Amino acid sequence: MNWHDYIHSDPTILVGKPVVKGTRLSVEFLLQLLAEGWTPAMIFEQYPSLPPAGLQAVFAFVAECMHDTTFYPRAAA
């Protein structure tokens, strides 16, 4: 999937956070909903303007962002 077709950043929309095109739904917001236990069906029901490919693009975008990222967990205190 080419996430560029669905995700963009505009400084006039949510201070430039990446959003699904045609919506004000940020990648961060959608990921937070999923992390809180929302299912895709729940998201589509609540946000009918979100196309299914838009949600798939969120995952493609994050996967690409993480590709060159090294994660160093913090040591337990």
C-alpha atoms as a PDB file:
ATOM      1  CA  MET A   1       0.000   0.000   0.000  1.00  0.00           C
ATOM      2  CA  ASN A   2       1.198   3.491  -0.806  1.00  0.00           C
ATOM      3  CA  TRP A   3       0.273   5.414   2.330  1.00  0.00           C
ATOM      4  CA  HIS A   4       1.108   8.701   0.551  1.00  0.00           C
ATOM      5  CA  ASP A   5      -2.246   8.387  -1.216  1.00  0.00           C
ATOM      6  CA  TYR A   6      -4.087   8.593   2.126  1.00  0.00           C
ATOM      7  CA  ILE A   7      -1.904  10.333   4.725  1.00  0.00           C
ATOM      8  CA  HIS A   8      -0.716  13.911   4.577  1.00  0.00           C
ATOM      9  CA  SER A   9       0.449  16.746   6.761  1.00  0.00           C
ATOM     10  CA  ASP A  10      -0.747  20.329   6.503  1.00  0.00           C
ATOM     11  CA  PRO A  11       0.335  23.008   8.981  1.00  0.00           C
ATOM     12  CA  THR A  12      -3.226  24.397   8.968  1.00  0.00           C
ATOM     13  CA  ILE A  13      -4.745  21.066  10.054  1.00  0.00           C
ATOM     14  CA  LEU A  14      -4.025  19.866  13.614  1.00  0.00           C
ATOM     15  CA  VAL A  15      -0.756  21.831  13.676  1.00  0.00           C
ATOM     16  CA  GLY A  16       0.699  19.670  10.916  1.00  0.00           C
ATOM     17  CA  LYS A  17       0.150  16.254  12.506  1.00  0.00           C
ATOM     18  CA  PRO A  18      -0.201  13.511   9.883  1.00  0.00           C
ATOM     19  CA  VAL A  19      -3.896  12.958   9.152  1.00  0.00           C
ATOM     20  CA  VAL A  20      -5.985  10.804   6.848  1.00  0.00           C
ATOM     21  CA  LYS A  21      -6.711  12.940   3.778  1.00  0.00           C
ATOM     22  CA  GLY A  22     -10.188  14.410   3.739  1.00  0.00           C
ATOM     23  CA  THR A  23     -10.552  14.079   7.517  1.00  0.00           C
ATOM     24  CA  ARG A  24      -9.233  15.690  10.670  1.00  0.00           C
ATOM     25  CA  LEU A  25      -8.380  12.243  12.047  1.00  0.00           C
ATOM     26  CA  SER A  26      -4.711  12.101  12.955  1.00  0.00           C
ATOM     27  CA  VAL A  27      -2.586   8.986  12.744  1.00  0.00           C
ATOM     28  CA  GLU A  28      -1.850   9.434  16.448  1.00  0.00           C
ATOM     29  CA  PHE A  29      -5.554   9.626  17.354  1.00  0.00           C
ATOM     30  CA  LEU A  30      -6.472   6.510  15.377  1.00  0.00           C
ATOM     31  CA  LEU A  31      -3.601   4.532  16.886  1.00  0.00           C
ATOM     32  CA  GLN A  32      -4.651   5.667  20.360  1.00  0.00           C
ATOM     33  CA  LEU A  33      -8.207   4.425  19.757  1.00  0.00           C
ATOM     34  CA  LEU A  34      -6.863   1.034  18.703  1.00  0.00           C
ATOM     35  CA  ALA A  35      -4.515   0.940  21.711  1.00  0.00           C
ATOM     36  CA  GLU A  36      -7.512   1.595  23.966  1.00  0.00           C
ATOM     37  CA  GLY A  37      -9.293  -1.446  22.546  1.00  0.00           C
ATOM     38  CA  TRP A  38     -11.452   0.039  19.813  1.00  0.00           C
ATOM     39  CA  THR A  39     -11.993  -2.285  16.877  1.00  0.00           C
ATOM     40  CA  PRO A  40     -11.862  -1.082  13.290  1.00  0.00           C
ATOM     41  CA  ALA A  41     -15.636  -1.631  13.111  1.00  0.00           C
ATOM     42  CA  MET A  42     -16.132   0.688  16.091  1.00  0.00           C
ATOM     43  CA  ILE A  43     -13.914   3.331  14.478  1.00  0.00           C
ATOM     44  CA  PHE A  44     -15.755   3.153  11.135  1.00  0.00           C
ATOM     45  CA  GLU A  45     -19.107   3.347  12.908  1.00  0.00           C
ATOM     46  CA  GLN A  46     -18.069   6.432  14.879  1.00  0.00           C
ATOM     47  CA  TYR A  47     -16.150   8.066  11.992  1.00  0.00           C
ATOM     48  CA  PRO A  48     -17.985   7.123   8.770  1.00  0.00           C
ATOM     49  CA  SER A  49     -15.900   9.577   6.712  1.00  0.00           C
ATOM     50  CA  LEU A  50     -12.833   7.395   7.308  1.00  0.00           C
ATOM     51  CA  PRO A  51     -12.306   5.051   4.362  1.00  0.00           C
ATOM     52  CA  PRO A  52     -11.102   1.528   5.190  1.00  0.00           C
ATOM     53  CA  ALA A  53      -7.995   2.134   3.076  1.00  0.00           C
ATOM     54  CA  GLY A  54      -7.304   5.193   5.240  1.00  0.00           C
ATOM     55  CA  LEU A  55      -7.011   3.044   8.346  1.00  0.00           C
ATOM     56  CA  GLN A  56      -4.811   0.552   6.504  1.00  0.00           C
ATOM     57  CA  ALA A  57      -2.637   3.487   5.406  1.00  0.00           C
ATOM     58  CA  VAL A  58      -2.139   4.436   9.059  1.00  0.00           C
ATOM     59  CA  PHE A  59      -0.446   1.086   9.635  1.00  0.00           C
ATOM     60  CA  ALA A  60       1.649   1.400   6.468  1.00  0.00           C
ATOM     61  CA  PHE A  61       2.729   4.902   7.508  1.00  0.00           C
ATOM     62  CA  VAL A  62       3.756   3.811  11.004  1.00  0.00           C
ATOM     63  CA  ALA A  63       5.527   0.713   9.668  1.00  0.00           C
ATOM     64  CA  GLU A  64       7.605   2.890   7.358  1.00  0.00           C
ATOM     65  CA  CYS A  65       8.339   5.382  10.152  1.00  0.00           C
ATOM     66  CA  MET A  66       9.508   2.551  12.391  1.00  0.00           C
ATOM     67  CA  HIS A  67      11.645   0.930   9.703  1.00  0.00           C
ATOM     68  CA  ASP A  68      14.718   3.044  10.406  1.00  0.00           C
ATOM     69  CA  THR A  69      14.037   3.566  14.093  1.00  0.00           C
ATOM     70  CA  THR A  70      15.926   1.819  16.853  1.00  0.00           C
ATOM     71  CA  PHE A  71      13.988   1.292  20.056  1.00  0.00           C
ATOM     72  CA  TYR A  72      15.865   1.403  23.341  1.00  0.00           C
ATOM     73  CA  PRO A  73      13.627   0.459  26.255  1.00  0.00           C
ATOM     74  CA  ARG A  74      14.223   2.312  29.471  1.00  0.00           C
ATOM     75  CA  ALA A  75      15.794   0.310  32.273  1.00  0.00           C
ATOM     76  CA  ALA A  76      13.428  -0.604  35.086  1.00  0.00           C
ATOM     77  CA  ALA A  77      13.679   1.788  37.993  1.00  0.00           C
END
